[in-house]
Protein backbone atom coordinates (compact mmCIF):
# COMPACT_ATOMS: atom_id res chain seq x y z
CA UNK A 1 0.00 0.00 0.00
CA UNK A 2 1.26 3.45 -0.90
CA UNK A 3 2.31 5.46 2.15
CA UNK A 4 1.24 9.08 2.42
CA UNK A 5 4.78 10.42 2.83
CA UNK A 6 5.94 8.43 -0.20
CA UNK A 7 3.10 9.93 -2.23
CA UNK A 8 4.00 13.50 -1.23
CA UNK A 9 7.69 12.84 -1.94
CA UNK A 10 6.77 11.77 -5.49
CA UNK A 11 5.18 15.14 -6.30
CA UNK A 12 6.83 18.34 -7.48
CA UNK A 13 8.08 20.57 -4.67
CA UNK A 14 5.40 22.68 -3.03
CA UNK A 15 5.55 26.45 -3.09
CA UNK A 16 4.77 26.81 0.60
CA UNK A 17 6.69 26.18 3.82
CA UNK A 18 5.05 22.84 4.52
CA UNK A 19 7.33 19.85 4.60
CA UNK A 20 6.15 16.49 3.37
CA UNK A 21 6.43 14.82 6.77
CA UNK A 22 4.20 17.40 8.47
CA UNK A 23 1.66 17.05 5.67
CA UNK A 24 1.77 13.27 5.70
CA UNK A 25 1.33 13.15 9.47
CA UNK A 26 -1.67 15.47 9.24
CA UNK A 27 -3.28 13.61 6.36
CA UNK A 28 -2.87 10.27 8.15
CA UNK A 29 -4.24 11.71 11.42
CA UNK A 30 -7.23 13.17 9.59
CA UNK A 31 -7.93 9.87 7.88
CA UNK A 32 -7.79 8.02 11.21
CA UNK A 33 -10.02 10.68 12.76
CA UNK A 34 -12.60 10.41 10.00
CA UNK A 35 -12.77 6.65 10.42
CA UNK A 36 -12.92 6.79 14.22
CA UNK A 37 -15.63 9.44 14.48
CA UNK A 38 -17.76 7.70 11.86
CA UNK A 39 -17.44 4.37 13.66
CA UNK A 40 -18.11 6.05 17.00
CA UNK A 41 -21.29 7.67 15.68
CA UNK A 42 -22.49 4.29 14.45
CA UNK A 43 -21.55 2.75 17.79
CA UNK A 44 -23.52 5.38 19.69
CA UNK A 45 -26.54 4.82 17.45
CA UNK A 46 -26.50 1.17 18.52
CA UNK A 47 -26.45 2.03 22.24
CA UNK A 48 -29.65 1.82 24.30
CA UNK A 49 -29.22 5.48 25.26
CA UNK A 50 -28.83 6.66 21.64
CA UNK A 51 -31.31 9.50 22.21
CA UNK A 52 -29.15 10.83 25.04
CA UNK A 53 -26.09 10.63 22.78
CA UNK A 54 -27.66 12.62 19.94
CA UNK A 55 -25.43 15.69 20.43
CA UNK A 56 -22.32 13.48 20.49
CA UNK A 57 -23.44 11.66 17.35
CA UNK A 58 -23.98 14.95 15.51
CA UNK A 59 -20.61 16.27 16.60
CA UNK A 60 -18.93 13.09 15.40
CA UNK A 61 -20.63 13.27 12.02
CA UNK A 62 -19.72 16.96 11.65
CA UNK A 63 -16.14 16.13 12.56
CA UNK A 64 -16.03 13.32 9.98
CA UNK A 65 -17.11 15.71 7.22
CA UNK A 66 -14.72 18.49 8.23
CA UNK A 67 -11.79 16.07 8.66
CA UNK A 68 -12.45 14.55 5.25
CA UNK A 69 -12.55 17.96 3.56
CA UNK A 70 -9.42 19.12 5.36
CA UNK A 71 -7.58 15.93 4.37
CA UNK A 72 -8.51 16.44 0.72
CA UNK A 73 -7.46 20.11 0.74
CA UNK A 74 -4.10 19.22 2.28
CA UNK A 75 -3.56 16.37 -0.16
CA UNK A 76 -4.18 18.48 -3.22
CA UNK A 77 -1.91 21.31 -2.08
CA UNK A 78 -2.36 24.90 -1.05
CA UNK A 79 -0.63 26.87 -3.79
CA UNK A 80 -0.62 30.38 -2.39
CA UNK A 81 -4.01 30.39 -0.68
CA UNK A 82 -2.73 30.12 2.87
CA UNK A 83 -5.71 32.07 4.24
CA UNK A 84 -8.15 29.44 2.99
CA UNK A 85 -6.01 26.59 4.29
CA UNK A 86 -5.60 28.26 7.69
CA UNK A 87 -9.38 28.76 7.95
CA UNK A 88 -10.02 25.13 6.98
CA UNK A 89 -7.46 23.89 9.50
CA UNK A 90 -8.99 26.06 12.23
CA UNK A 91 -12.46 24.71 11.42
CA UNK A 92 -11.07 21.20 11.65
CA UNK A 93 -9.46 21.88 15.02
CA UNK A 94 -12.81 23.19 16.26
CA UNK A 95 -14.74 20.18 14.94
CA UNK A 96 -12.21 17.80 16.49
CA UNK A 97 -12.31 19.61 19.82
CA UNK A 98 -16.12 19.56 19.89
CA UNK A 99 -16.23 15.84 19.15
CA UNK A 100 -13.42 15.14 21.61
CA UNK A 101 -15.17 17.06 24.39
CA UNK A 102 -18.19 14.77 24.50
CA UNK A 103 -16.54 11.51 23.51
CA UNK A 104 -13.96 11.93 26.27
CA UNK A 105 -16.85 12.04 28.75
CA UNK A 106 -18.27 8.78 27.39
CA UNK A 107 -14.89 7.05 27.00
CA UNK A 108 -15.02 5.22 30.36
CA UNK A 109 -18.29 3.54 29.27
CA UNK A 110 -17.81 3.08 25.53
CA UNK A 111 -14.63 1.85 23.86
CA UNK A 112 -15.59 3.48 20.56
CA UNK A 113 -15.74 6.84 22.36
CA UNK A 114 -12.29 6.27 23.85
CA UNK A 115 -10.86 5.54 20.41
CA UNK A 116 -12.72 8.53 18.94
CA UNK A 117 -11.41 10.78 21.68
CA UNK A 118 -7.83 9.74 20.95
CA UNK A 119 -8.25 10.16 17.18
CA UNK A 120 -9.82 13.61 17.43
CA UNK A 121 -7.08 14.77 19.77
CA UNK A 122 -4.43 13.50 17.35
CA UNK A 123 -6.06 15.18 14.37
CA UNK A 124 -6.40 18.50 16.18
CA UNK A 125 -2.74 18.34 17.18
CA UNK A 126 -1.68 17.57 13.60
CA UNK A 127 -3.77 20.48 12.25
CA UNK A 128 -2.20 22.85 14.75
CA UNK A 129 1.24 21.71 13.61
CA UNK A 130 0.39 22.46 9.98
CA UNK A 131 -0.87 25.92 11.02
CA UNK A 132 2.43 26.57 12.85
CA UNK A 133 4.33 25.54 9.73
CA UNK A 134 2.26 27.90 7.59
CA UNK A 135 3.23 30.82 9.82
CA UNK A 136 6.95 29.97 9.57
């Protein structure tokens, strides 16, 4: 299977300050996040208290969509539109934090929430690292 870093290394050099390792780490974290929050939402729907978990489910689904979009934007490159990328990354951090907030509360009772909480934290951290690189 093609590794993300290997894929970025095969492309022409980027015109921004983002190195391939930072990008690959972020793209992989976003992919893991998207999978985890989607699975967590499905897991919560199967729980007896699904009605009580409605806000968490919605936050997970929002996070999945935002993480997917952010991953695609990072994969295709930023050219010179750093403002758009920074806004997208900030939106992703917010979506991850919102999902993380509630799933962390449910983590002691639901394994899928624990995994989701870890994945959203990792994705938010990776997005912040890309934003720091953009400012460099």
